[in-house]
Amino acid sequence: MLNSLDKRIAEFVQKTVGGDFENATKIRKDYLLRFGTTLSGLMAMNGTDPDEFFDFIHEPEYLIYPKEAPQKLELLKSLPGHRYVFTNGRHDWSEAGMAHMKIDSGIEAVFDLKLMDWVGKPHESAYEKMESWLEARGQLPQNRREIVLLEDSLRNLEPAHARGWTTILVNPNIEAPDWVDFHIPHLLNLRSTNAFSLARSCPLE
């Protein structure tokens, strides 16, 4: 079953390439697999303007916003180091979601797809740009293990692992390979790890 955002993305693909919704869903998944994100595929294959894409998929009436999460806010504020959102979305959606959850005061900034020049995770350039952004803020640690990335996607964790970041898989439904540093089912299980005893920068999906 498609969530509201996946459905909206498939509708944009359908609007762009024509055909029926089922075929658009197949193209969405194909672009995601081949290009890392559906948007990257649309840009490469169809010349899509990324802001037009996000304006379409982020129309409020089609979105299901997350619920208030006071426990997550408490957890975020208890973490040492700096806390950022590192997202393949655009900053306005992340900011709206955090505001609905009332966790925005626990996040310092959003590093979004626009700041990655529209080439997101898992492309290597996204992680390079994240490090450059941290460096510009005076927050890039010499020891890359002090950058802790939480992700629900192994595909997006692999480049972080290759760069020496600490990796945390947050997903109850998949097995973690040996190279993942920590595996927890949900964000609130983060307290069961000792990952943040060394953290200076914490990008969150």
N, C-alpha and C. Protein backbone atom coordinates (compact mmCIF):
# COMPACT_ATOMS: atom_id res chain seq x y z
N MET A 1 0.85 -1.20 0.00
CA MET A 1 0.00 0.00 0.00
C MET A 1 0.89 1.25 0.00
N LEU A 2 0.61 2.18 -0.90
CA LEU A 2 1.40 3.40 -0.98
C LEU A 2 1.04 4.35 0.15
N ASN A 3 2.08 5.00 0.74
CA ASN A 3 1.76 6.08 1.66
C ASN A 3 1.41 7.31 0.85
N SER A 4 0.98 8.36 1.52
CA SER A 4 0.45 9.52 0.80
C SER A 4 1.52 10.18 -0.06
N LEU A 5 2.77 10.21 0.41
CA LEU A 5 3.83 10.85 -0.34
C LEU A 5 4.21 10.02 -1.56
N ASP A 6 4.34 8.70 -1.40
CA ASP A 6 4.66 7.84 -2.55
C ASP A 6 3.57 7.95 -3.62
N LYS A 7 2.34 8.01 -3.17
CA LYS A 7 1.22 8.14 -4.13
C LYS A 7 1.32 9.45 -4.89
N ARG A 8 1.62 10.51 -4.19
CA ARG A 8 1.73 11.82 -4.84
C ARG A 8 2.91 11.85 -5.82
N ILE A 9 4.01 11.20 -5.46
CA ILE A 9 5.16 11.13 -6.37
C ILE A 9 4.77 10.36 -7.63
N ALA A 10 4.07 9.24 -7.45
CA ALA A 10 3.63 8.45 -8.61
C ALA A 10 2.69 9.28 -9.49
N GLU A 11 1.86 10.10 -8.88
CA GLU A 11 0.95 10.96 -9.65
C GLU A 11 1.74 11.99 -10.46
N PHE A 12 2.83 12.49 -9.86
CA PHE A 12 3.67 13.43 -10.61
C PHE A 12 4.34 12.72 -11.78
N VAL A 13 4.82 11.50 -11.56
CA VAL A 13 5.42 10.72 -12.65
C VAL A 13 4.38 10.51 -13.75
N GLN A 14 3.16 10.16 -13.37
CA GLN A 14 2.10 9.95 -14.35
C GLN A 14 1.84 11.24 -15.15
N LYS A 15 1.80 12.37 -14.45
CA LYS A 15 1.58 13.66 -15.12
C LYS A 15 2.71 13.97 -16.10
N THR A 16 3.92 13.53 -15.75
CA THR A 16 5.10 13.84 -16.56
C THR A 16 5.23 12.93 -17.77
N VAL A 17 5.05 11.63 -17.56
CA VAL A 17 5.33 10.67 -18.64
C VAL A 17 4.08 10.15 -19.32
N GLY A 18 2.90 10.42 -18.74
CA GLY A 18 1.66 9.91 -19.31
C GLY A 18 1.41 8.47 -18.89
N GLY A 19 0.38 7.87 -19.46
CA GLY A 19 0.05 6.49 -19.13
C GLY A 19 -0.80 6.41 -17.87
N ASP A 20 -0.99 5.16 -17.40
CA ASP A 20 -1.84 4.96 -16.23
C ASP A 20 -1.02 4.98 -14.94
N PHE A 21 -1.74 4.96 -13.82
CA PHE A 21 -1.09 5.08 -12.52
C PHE A 21 -0.20 3.88 -12.22
N GLU A 22 -0.63 2.70 -12.62
CA GLU A 22 0.17 1.50 -12.36
C GLU A 22 1.53 1.58 -13.05
N ASN A 23 1.53 2.04 -14.28
CA ASN A 23 2.80 2.18 -15.00
C ASN A 23 3.66 3.28 -14.38
N ALA A 24 3.02 4.36 -13.93
CA ALA A 24 3.76 5.44 -13.29
C ALA A 24 4.42 4.96 -12.00
N THR A 25 3.73 4.09 -11.27
CA THR A 25 4.30 3.53 -10.05
C THR A 25 5.52 2.67 -10.36
N LYS A 26 5.47 1.91 -11.44
CA LYS A 26 6.63 1.11 -11.87
C LYS A 26 7.80 2.00 -12.24
N ILE A 27 7.52 3.09 -12.94
CA ILE A 27 8.59 4.03 -13.32
C ILE A 27 9.18 4.70 -12.08
N ARG A 28 8.30 5.07 -11.13
CA ARG A 28 8.79 5.67 -9.87
C ARG A 28 9.79 4.75 -9.19
N LYS A 29 9.45 3.47 -9.08
CA LYS A 29 10.32 2.50 -8.42
C LYS A 29 11.60 2.26 -9.22
N ASP A 30 11.48 2.24 -10.55
CA ASP A 30 12.64 2.05 -11.41
C ASP A 30 13.62 3.22 -11.26
N TYR A 31 13.10 4.44 -11.28
CA TYR A 31 13.96 5.62 -11.12
C TYR A 31 14.63 5.61 -9.74
N LEU A 32 13.87 5.24 -8.72
CA LEU A 32 14.43 5.17 -7.37
C LEU A 32 15.60 4.20 -7.32
N LEU A 33 15.43 3.04 -7.95
CA LEU A 33 16.48 2.02 -7.95
C LEU A 33 17.68 2.44 -8.76
N ARG A 34 17.45 3.01 -9.92
CA ARG A 34 18.55 3.32 -10.84
C ARG A 34 19.27 4.62 -10.53
N PHE A 35 18.52 5.61 -10.00
CA PHE A 35 19.10 6.93 -9.83
C PHE A 35 19.25 7.36 -8.37
N GLY A 36 18.80 6.54 -7.44
CA GLY A 36 18.90 6.89 -6.03
C GLY A 36 17.66 7.56 -5.49
N THR A 37 17.06 8.44 -6.28
CA THR A 37 15.78 9.05 -5.93
C THR A 37 14.93 9.14 -7.19
N THR A 38 13.61 9.17 -7.01
CA THR A 38 12.73 9.34 -8.17
C THR A 38 13.00 10.67 -8.86
N LEU A 39 13.24 11.70 -8.06
CA LEU A 39 13.51 13.02 -8.64
C LEU A 39 14.74 12.99 -9.54
N SER A 40 15.81 12.33 -9.11
CA SER A 40 17.02 12.26 -9.94
C SER A 40 16.71 11.61 -11.28
N GLY A 41 15.88 10.57 -11.25
CA GLY A 41 15.47 9.93 -12.49
C GLY A 41 14.65 10.85 -13.37
N LEU A 42 13.72 11.57 -12.77
CA LEU A 42 12.89 12.51 -13.52
C LEU A 42 13.73 13.63 -14.13
N MET A 43 14.73 14.11 -13.38
CA MET A 43 15.59 15.16 -13.91
C MET A 43 16.43 14.64 -15.07
N ALA A 44 16.98 13.43 -14.91
CA ALA A 44 17.86 12.86 -15.94
C ALA A 44 17.09 12.45 -17.19
N MET A 45 15.93 11.85 -17.00
CA MET A 45 15.20 11.25 -18.12
C MET A 45 14.13 12.17 -18.72
N ASN A 46 13.64 13.12 -17.91
CA ASN A 46 12.49 13.93 -18.35
C ASN A 46 12.70 15.43 -18.21
N GLY A 47 13.88 15.84 -17.73
CA GLY A 47 14.16 17.27 -17.59
C GLY A 47 13.29 17.98 -16.58
N THR A 48 12.88 17.27 -15.55
CA THR A 48 11.98 17.84 -14.54
C THR A 48 12.66 18.94 -13.73
N ASP A 49 11.92 20.02 -13.49
CA ASP A 49 12.38 21.08 -12.58
C ASP A 49 12.13 20.63 -11.15
N PRO A 50 13.16 20.55 -10.30
CA PRO A 50 12.98 19.98 -8.96
C PRO A 50 12.00 20.76 -8.09
N ASP A 51 11.98 22.08 -8.21
CA ASP A 51 11.04 22.85 -7.40
C ASP A 51 9.60 22.57 -7.83
N GLU A 52 9.38 22.36 -9.13
CA GLU A 52 8.04 22.00 -9.60
C GLU A 52 7.61 20.66 -9.00
N PHE A 53 8.55 19.72 -8.95
CA PHE A 53 8.29 18.41 -8.36
C PHE A 53 7.88 18.55 -6.90
N PHE A 54 8.66 19.29 -6.12
CA PHE A 54 8.35 19.42 -4.70
C PHE A 54 7.09 20.24 -4.45
N ASP A 55 6.86 21.27 -5.26
CA ASP A 55 5.62 22.03 -5.11
C ASP A 55 4.41 21.12 -5.28
N PHE A 56 4.51 20.16 -6.20
CA PHE A 56 3.40 19.24 -6.47
C PHE A 56 3.23 18.24 -5.34
N ILE A 57 4.31 17.58 -4.93
CA ILE A 57 4.15 16.50 -3.94
C ILE A 57 3.93 17.02 -2.53
N HIS A 58 4.26 18.30 -2.30
CA HIS A 58 4.12 18.85 -0.95
C HIS A 58 2.86 19.69 -0.76
N GLU A 59 1.92 19.63 -1.69
CA GLU A 59 0.67 20.37 -1.49
C GLU A 59 -0.02 19.84 -0.23
N PRO A 60 -0.27 20.71 0.76
CA PRO A 60 -0.72 20.26 2.08
C PRO A 60 -1.94 19.35 2.10
N GLU A 61 -2.88 19.58 1.19
CA GLU A 61 -4.11 18.80 1.24
C GLU A 61 -3.89 17.32 0.95
N TYR A 62 -2.73 16.97 0.36
CA TYR A 62 -2.46 15.59 0.02
C TYR A 62 -1.53 14.89 1.01
N LEU A 63 -1.10 15.61 2.02
CA LEU A 63 -0.10 15.06 2.94
C LEU A 63 -0.73 14.61 4.25
N ILE A 64 -0.15 13.56 4.81
CA ILE A 64 -0.52 13.11 6.15
C ILE A 64 0.65 13.48 7.06
N TYR A 65 0.41 14.42 7.95
CA TYR A 65 1.50 14.89 8.80
C TYR A 65 1.66 13.98 10.02
N PRO A 66 2.90 13.85 10.51
CA PRO A 66 3.12 13.02 11.70
C PRO A 66 2.51 13.66 12.94
N LYS A 67 2.26 12.82 13.94
CA LYS A 67 1.63 13.28 15.17
C LYS A 67 2.66 13.91 16.11
N GLU A 68 2.14 14.61 17.11
CA GLU A 68 3.02 15.17 18.14
C GLU A 68 3.84 14.05 18.78
N ALA A 69 5.09 14.37 19.08
CA ALA A 69 6.01 13.35 19.61
C ALA A 69 6.85 13.92 20.75
N PRO A 70 6.23 14.16 21.90
CA PRO A 70 6.98 14.78 23.01
C PRO A 70 8.16 13.93 23.48
N GLN A 71 8.03 12.59 23.40
CA GLN A 71 9.15 11.74 23.83
C GLN A 71 10.35 11.89 22.89
N LYS A 72 10.06 12.07 21.60
CA LYS A 72 11.16 12.27 20.65
C LYS A 72 11.85 13.61 20.89
N LEU A 73 11.07 14.63 21.21
CA LEU A 73 11.66 15.92 21.52
C LEU A 73 12.57 15.81 22.74
N GLU A 74 12.09 15.14 23.76
CA GLU A 74 12.90 14.94 24.97
C GLU A 74 14.19 14.21 24.64
N LEU A 75 14.07 13.17 23.81
CA LEU A 75 15.26 12.41 23.43
C LEU A 75 16.24 13.27 22.65
N LEU A 76 15.75 14.00 21.67
CA LEU A 76 16.63 14.84 20.86
C LEU A 76 17.39 15.84 21.72
N LYS A 77 16.68 16.47 22.64
CA LYS A 77 17.32 17.49 23.46
C LYS A 77 18.33 16.90 24.44
N SER A 78 18.22 15.60 24.69
CA SER A 78 19.16 14.96 25.62
C SER A 78 20.46 14.54 24.94
N LEU A 79 20.49 14.59 23.60
CA LEU A 79 21.67 14.11 22.88
C LEU A 79 22.78 15.15 22.91
N PRO A 80 24.02 14.72 23.07
CA PRO A 80 25.14 15.66 22.98
C PRO A 80 25.41 16.03 21.52
N GLY A 81 26.17 17.05 21.31
CA GLY A 81 26.53 17.43 19.95
C GLY A 81 25.42 18.18 19.24
N HIS A 82 25.60 18.35 17.94
CA HIS A 82 24.67 19.10 17.11
C HIS A 82 23.71 18.14 16.41
N ARG A 83 22.49 18.59 16.20
CA ARG A 83 21.45 17.72 15.64
C ARG A 83 20.85 18.36 14.38
N TYR A 84 20.94 17.62 13.28
CA TYR A 84 20.47 18.13 11.99
C TYR A 84 19.58 17.10 11.30
N VAL A 85 18.73 17.60 10.42
CA VAL A 85 18.02 16.74 9.48
C VAL A 85 18.81 16.74 8.17
N PHE A 86 19.12 15.53 7.68
CA PHE A 86 19.87 15.32 6.43
C PHE A 86 18.92 14.57 5.51
N THR A 87 18.25 15.30 4.61
CA THR A 87 17.08 14.73 3.94
C THR A 87 17.11 14.88 2.43
N ASN A 88 16.56 13.88 1.75
CA ASN A 88 16.37 13.94 0.31
C ASN A 88 15.11 14.72 -0.06
N GLY A 89 14.48 15.32 0.92
CA GLY A 89 13.33 16.19 0.67
C GLY A 89 13.77 17.65 0.63
N ARG A 90 12.79 18.52 0.46
CA ARG A 90 13.06 19.95 0.51
C ARG A 90 12.79 20.45 1.92
N HIS A 91 13.49 21.50 2.31
CA HIS A 91 13.47 21.92 3.71
C HIS A 91 12.08 22.27 4.21
N ASP A 92 11.20 22.80 3.35
CA ASP A 92 9.89 23.25 3.83
C ASP A 92 9.05 22.08 4.33
N TRP A 93 9.15 20.91 3.66
CA TRP A 93 8.41 19.73 4.12
C TRP A 93 8.96 19.25 5.45
N SER A 94 10.29 19.21 5.59
CA SER A 94 10.89 18.78 6.85
C SER A 94 10.49 19.71 7.98
N GLU A 95 10.52 21.00 7.71
CA GLU A 95 10.18 21.97 8.75
C GLU A 95 8.70 21.87 9.14
N ALA A 96 7.84 21.63 8.15
CA ALA A 96 6.41 21.48 8.45
C ALA A 96 6.17 20.21 9.27
N GLY A 97 6.84 19.12 8.89
CA GLY A 97 6.69 17.87 9.65
C GLY A 97 7.16 18.01 11.07
N MET A 98 8.32 18.66 11.26
CA MET A 98 8.83 18.84 12.62
C MET A 98 7.92 19.74 13.44
N ALA A 99 7.35 20.74 12.80
CA ALA A 99 6.43 21.63 13.52
C ALA A 99 5.19 20.88 13.98
N HIS A 100 4.65 20.00 13.12
CA HIS A 100 3.48 19.21 13.51
C HIS A 100 3.82 18.25 14.65
N MET A 101 5.04 17.71 14.64
CA MET A 101 5.47 16.81 15.71
C MET A 101 5.88 17.57 16.97
N LYS A 102 6.08 18.89 16.80
CA LYS A 102 6.56 19.76 17.88
C LYS A 102 7.93 19.31 18.38
N ILE A 103 8.79 18.94 17.42
CA ILE A 103 10.17 18.59 17.77
C ILE A 103 11.17 19.58 17.15
N ASP A 104 10.65 20.64 16.52
CA ASP A 104 11.53 21.55 15.81
C ASP A 104 12.55 22.23 16.72
N SER A 105 12.22 22.40 17.98
CA SER A 105 13.18 23.03 18.89
C SER A 105 14.34 22.10 19.23
N GLY A 106 14.21 20.81 18.85
CA GLY A 106 15.29 19.85 19.10
C GLY A 106 16.23 19.68 17.93
N ILE A 107 15.98 20.39 16.83
CA ILE A 107 16.79 20.29 15.62
C ILE A 107 17.37 21.67 15.30
N GLU A 108 18.66 21.71 15.01
CA GLU A 108 19.31 23.00 14.77
C GLU A 108 19.09 23.53 13.35
N ALA A 109 19.10 22.62 12.36
CA ALA A 109 18.98 23.06 10.97
C ALA A 109 18.63 21.86 10.10
N VAL A 110 18.21 22.17 8.88
CA VAL A 110 17.89 21.13 7.90
C VAL A 110 18.88 21.24 6.74
N PHE A 111 19.55 20.14 6.44
CA PHE A 111 20.40 20.06 5.25
C PHE A 111 19.61 19.28 4.21
N ASP A 112 19.03 20.02 3.25
CA ASP A 112 18.05 19.41 2.36
C ASP A 112 18.62 19.17 0.97
N LEU A 113 17.77 18.62 0.10
CA LEU A 113 18.20 18.23 -1.23
C LEU A 113 18.67 19.43 -2.05
N LYS A 114 18.08 20.58 -1.81
CA LYS A 114 18.48 21.78 -2.54
C LYS A 114 19.93 22.14 -2.23
N LEU A 115 20.32 21.98 -0.97
CA LEU A 115 21.71 22.24 -0.57
C LEU A 115 22.67 21.19 -1.12
N MET A 116 22.13 20.05 -1.54
CA MET A 116 22.94 19.01 -2.19
C MET A 116 22.96 19.19 -3.70
N ASP A 117 22.47 20.34 -4.18
CA ASP A 117 22.37 20.58 -5.63
C ASP A 117 21.49 19.54 -6.29
N TRP A 118 20.46 19.10 -5.57
CA TRP A 118 19.43 18.18 -6.05
C TRP A 118 19.95 16.76 -6.32
N VAL A 119 21.14 16.44 -5.85
CA VAL A 119 21.68 15.08 -5.99
C VAL A 119 21.83 14.52 -4.58
N GLY A 120 20.85 13.69 -4.17
CA GLY A 120 20.77 13.29 -2.77
C GLY A 120 21.42 11.96 -2.45
N LYS A 121 21.19 11.52 -1.22
CA LYS A 121 21.62 10.19 -0.80
C LYS A 121 20.99 9.14 -1.72
N PRO A 122 21.67 8.08 -2.08
CA PRO A 122 22.98 7.63 -1.58
C PRO A 122 24.17 8.08 -2.42
N HIS A 123 24.04 9.11 -3.25
CA HIS A 123 25.17 9.57 -4.05
C HIS A 123 26.27 10.13 -3.15
N GLU A 124 27.49 9.81 -3.48
CA GLU A 124 28.65 10.22 -2.67
C GLU A 124 28.70 11.73 -2.48
N SER A 125 28.31 12.48 -3.50
CA SER A 125 28.39 13.94 -3.41
C SER A 125 27.53 14.50 -2.28
N ALA A 126 26.42 13.82 -1.94
CA ALA A 126 25.56 14.30 -0.86
C ALA A 126 26.30 14.31 0.47
N TYR A 127 27.08 13.29 0.72
CA TYR A 127 27.82 13.16 1.98
C TYR A 127 29.01 14.12 1.99
N GLU A 128 29.62 14.31 0.83
CA GLU A 128 30.70 15.29 0.73
C GLU A 128 30.18 16.68 1.03
N LYS A 129 29.02 17.00 0.48
CA LYS A 129 28.44 18.32 0.71
C LYS A 129 28.01 18.49 2.16
N MET A 130 27.54 17.42 2.78
CA MET A 130 27.18 17.50 4.20
C MET A 130 28.42 17.81 5.03
N GLU A 131 29.52 17.16 4.72
CA GLU A 131 30.76 17.44 5.46
C GLU A 131 31.23 18.87 5.23
N SER A 132 31.13 19.34 3.99
CA SER A 132 31.54 20.72 3.69
C SER A 132 30.67 21.72 4.43
N TRP A 133 29.37 21.41 4.53
CA TRP A 133 28.43 22.27 5.25
C TRP A 133 28.77 22.31 6.74
N LEU A 134 29.08 21.15 7.30
CA LEU A 134 29.49 21.10 8.71
C LEU A 134 30.78 21.89 8.92
N GLU A 135 31.70 21.74 7.98
CA GLU A 135 32.99 22.45 8.09
C GLU A 135 32.77 23.96 8.07
N ALA A 136 31.87 24.41 7.19
CA ALA A 136 31.59 25.85 7.10
C ALA A 136 30.98 26.38 8.40
N ARG A 137 30.29 25.52 9.13
CA ARG A 137 29.70 25.90 10.41
C ARG A 137 30.69 25.72 11.58
N GLY A 138 31.89 25.25 11.26
CA GLY A 138 32.88 24.99 12.31
C GLY A 138 32.55 23.78 13.14
N GLN A 139 31.84 22.80 12.54
CA GLN A 139 31.34 21.66 13.31
C GLN A 139 31.74 20.31 12.69
N LEU A 140 32.73 20.32 11.80
CA LEU A 140 33.19 19.06 11.21
C LEU A 140 34.30 18.48 12.08
N PRO A 141 34.05 17.33 12.71
CA PRO A 141 35.08 16.75 13.58
C PRO A 141 36.23 16.16 12.76
N GLN A 142 37.43 16.18 13.33
CA GLN A 142 38.57 15.54 12.67
C GLN A 142 38.34 14.04 12.56
N ASN A 143 37.78 13.46 13.59
CA ASN A 143 37.44 12.04 13.60
C ASN A 143 36.03 11.87 13.06
N ARG A 144 35.92 11.31 11.85
CA ARG A 144 34.60 11.19 11.22
C ARG A 144 33.67 10.25 12.00
N ARG A 145 34.20 9.44 12.90
CA ARG A 145 33.34 8.59 13.73
C ARG A 145 32.44 9.43 14.61
N GLU A 146 32.77 10.68 14.79
CA GLU A 146 31.95 11.57 15.62
C GLU A 146 30.74 12.10 14.85
N ILE A 147 30.63 11.78 13.56
CA ILE A 147 29.41 12.07 12.81
C ILE A 147 28.54 10.82 12.87
N VAL A 148 27.37 10.93 13.46
CA VAL A 148 26.48 9.79 13.67
C VAL A 148 25.25 9.96 12.79
N LEU A 149 25.05 9.01 11.88
CA LEU A 149 23.91 9.09 10.96
C LEU A 149 22.87 8.05 11.32
N LEU A 150 21.64 8.50 11.54
CA LEU A 150 20.50 7.61 11.75
C LEU A 150 19.70 7.54 10.47
N GLU A 151 19.41 6.33 10.01
CA GLU A 151 18.72 6.13 8.73
C GLU A 151 17.88 4.87 8.80
N ASP A 152 16.77 4.86 8.01
CA ASP A 152 15.99 3.64 7.91
C ASP A 152 16.36 2.85 6.65
N SER A 153 17.32 3.35 5.88
CA SER A 153 17.71 2.74 4.62
C SER A 153 19.17 2.31 4.64
N LEU A 154 19.42 1.02 4.43
CA LEU A 154 20.80 0.54 4.34
C LEU A 154 21.52 1.20 3.17
N ARG A 155 20.80 1.39 2.09
CA ARG A 155 21.41 1.99 0.90
C ARG A 155 21.98 3.37 1.20
N ASN A 156 21.30 4.12 2.06
CA ASN A 156 21.78 5.45 2.41
C ASN A 156 22.83 5.44 3.51
N LEU A 157 22.92 4.34 4.23
CA LEU A 157 23.94 4.23 5.27
C LEU A 157 25.30 3.82 4.71
N GLU A 158 25.31 3.07 3.61
CA GLU A 158 26.57 2.53 3.08
C GLU A 158 27.61 3.61 2.78
N PRO A 159 27.26 4.70 2.07
CA PRO A 159 28.28 5.72 1.82
C PRO A 159 28.79 6.39 3.09
N ALA A 160 27.91 6.53 4.09
CA ALA A 160 28.34 7.10 5.37
C ALA A 160 29.34 6.18 6.05
N HIS A 161 29.08 4.89 6.02
CA HIS A 161 30.02 3.91 6.57
C HIS A 161 31.36 3.99 5.86
N ALA A 162 31.33 4.09 4.53
CA ALA A 162 32.56 4.16 3.75
C ALA A 162 33.38 5.39 4.09
N ARG A 163 32.71 6.47 4.53
CA ARG A 163 33.42 7.70 4.90
C ARG A 163 33.89 7.69 6.35
N GLY A 164 33.54 6.64 7.07
CA GLY A 164 33.98 6.53 8.46
C GLY A 164 33.02 7.08 9.48
N TRP A 165 31.80 7.46 9.05
CA TRP A 165 30.80 7.92 10.01
C TRP A 165 30.30 6.75 10.84
N THR A 166 29.75 7.04 12.01
CA THR A 166 29.04 6.03 12.79
C THR A 166 27.63 5.87 12.22
N THR A 167 27.23 4.63 11.98
CA THR A 167 25.95 4.37 11.32
C THR A 167 24.98 3.69 12.27
N ILE A 168 23.73 4.18 12.25
CA ILE A 168 22.66 3.59 13.05
C ILE A 168 21.48 3.31 12.12
N LEU A 169 21.13 2.05 11.99
CA LEU A 169 19.96 1.65 11.22
C LEU A 169 18.75 1.68 12.14
N VAL A 170 17.74 2.48 11.76
CA VAL A 170 16.52 2.59 12.55
C VAL A 170 15.40 1.97 11.73
N ASN A 171 15.20 0.67 11.90
CA ASN A 171 14.22 -0.05 11.07
C ASN A 171 13.94 -1.40 11.72
N PRO A 172 12.70 -1.69 12.06
CA PRO A 172 12.38 -2.97 12.71
C PRO A 172 12.19 -4.12 11.72
N ASN A 173 12.22 -3.82 10.43
CA ASN A 173 11.79 -4.81 9.44
C ASN A 173 12.90 -5.42 8.61
N ILE A 174 14.13 -4.99 8.78
CA ILE A 174 15.23 -5.55 8.00
C ILE A 174 16.39 -5.93 8.90
N GLU A 175 17.18 -6.88 8.45
CA GLU A 175 18.37 -7.30 9.18
C GLU A 175 19.52 -6.35 8.87
N ALA A 176 20.36 -6.13 9.85
CA ALA A 176 21.51 -5.24 9.66
C ALA A 176 22.76 -6.06 9.36
N PRO A 177 23.51 -5.71 8.33
CA PRO A 177 24.79 -6.38 8.07
C PRO A 177 25.82 -6.01 9.13
N ASP A 178 26.95 -6.71 9.11
CA ASP A 178 27.95 -6.53 10.15
C ASP A 178 28.54 -5.13 10.19
N TRP A 179 28.56 -4.45 9.04
CA TRP A 179 29.21 -3.14 9.02
C TRP A 179 28.38 -2.04 9.67
N VAL A 180 27.09 -2.28 9.90
CA VAL A 180 26.27 -1.29 10.61
C VAL A 180 26.69 -1.26 12.07
N ASP A 181 26.93 -0.08 12.61
CA ASP A 181 27.43 0.04 13.98
C ASP A 181 26.36 -0.28 15.02
N PHE A 182 25.14 0.22 14.78
CA PHE A 182 24.04 -0.02 15.72
C PHE A 182 22.76 -0.25 14.93
N HIS A 183 21.89 -1.11 15.45
CA HIS A 183 20.60 -1.39 14.81
C HIS A 183 19.53 -1.32 15.89
N ILE A 184 18.59 -0.41 15.71
CA ILE A 184 17.49 -0.25 16.66
C ILE A 184 16.18 -0.25 15.89
N PRO A 185 15.09 -0.73 16.48
CA PRO A 185 13.81 -0.76 15.77
C PRO A 185 13.16 0.61 15.62
N HIS A 186 13.32 1.47 16.62
CA HIS A 186 12.66 2.77 16.61
C HIS A 186 13.58 3.81 17.24
N LEU A 187 13.33 5.07 16.91
CA LEU A 187 14.20 6.14 17.40
C LEU A 187 14.30 6.14 18.91
N LEU A 188 13.20 5.87 19.60
CA LEU A 188 13.22 5.94 21.06
C LEU A 188 14.09 4.86 21.69
N ASN A 189 14.50 3.87 20.90
CA ASN A 189 15.44 2.86 21.39
C ASN A 189 16.88 3.35 21.37
N LEU A 190 17.06 4.59 20.93
CA LEU A 190 18.41 5.14 20.81
C LEU A 190 19.14 5.15 22.16
N ARG A 191 18.39 5.30 23.23
CA ARG A 191 19.02 5.34 24.55
C ARG A 191 19.73 4.02 24.91
N SER A 192 19.36 2.94 24.19
CA SER A 192 19.98 1.65 24.49
C SER A 192 21.36 1.50 23.86
N THR A 193 21.78 2.49 23.04
CA THR A 193 23.10 2.44 22.42
C THR A 193 24.03 3.42 23.14
N ASN A 194 25.33 3.26 22.87
CA ASN A 194 26.28 4.24 23.42
C ASN A 194 26.89 5.09 22.31
N ALA A 195 26.18 5.16 21.17
CA ALA A 195 26.72 5.87 20.01
C ALA A 195 27.02 7.33 20.31
N PHE A 196 26.23 7.94 21.17
CA PHE A 196 26.34 9.39 21.32
C PHE A 196 27.33 9.81 22.40
N SER A 197 28.02 8.83 22.96
CA SER A 197 29.10 9.19 23.87
C SER A 197 30.24 9.85 23.12
N LEU A 198 30.31 9.64 21.77
CA LEU A 198 31.37 10.23 20.97
C LEU A 198 30.87 11.23 19.95
N ALA A 199 29.57 11.47 19.90
CA ALA A 199 29.01 12.26 18.80
C ALA A 199 29.24 13.75 18.95
N ARG A 200 29.61 14.39 17.84
CA ARG A 200 29.63 15.84 17.76
C ARG A 200 28.58 16.36 16.79
N SER A 201 28.35 15.58 15.74
CA SER A 201 27.35 15.97 14.74
C SER A 201 26.42 14.80 14.48
N CYS A 202 25.13 15.07 14.51
CA CYS A 202 24.14 13.98 14.37
C CYS A 202 23.16 14.30 13.26
N PRO A 203 23.43 13.85 12.03
CA PRO A 203 22.43 13.99 10.97
C PRO A 203 21.35 12.92 11.09
N LEU A 204 20.10 13.32 11.01
CA LEU A 204 18.97 12.41 11.11
C LEU A 204 18.22 12.39 9.78
N GLU A 205 17.84 11.22 9.32
CA GLU A 205 17.01 11.12 8.12
C GLU A 205 15.68 11.80 8.41
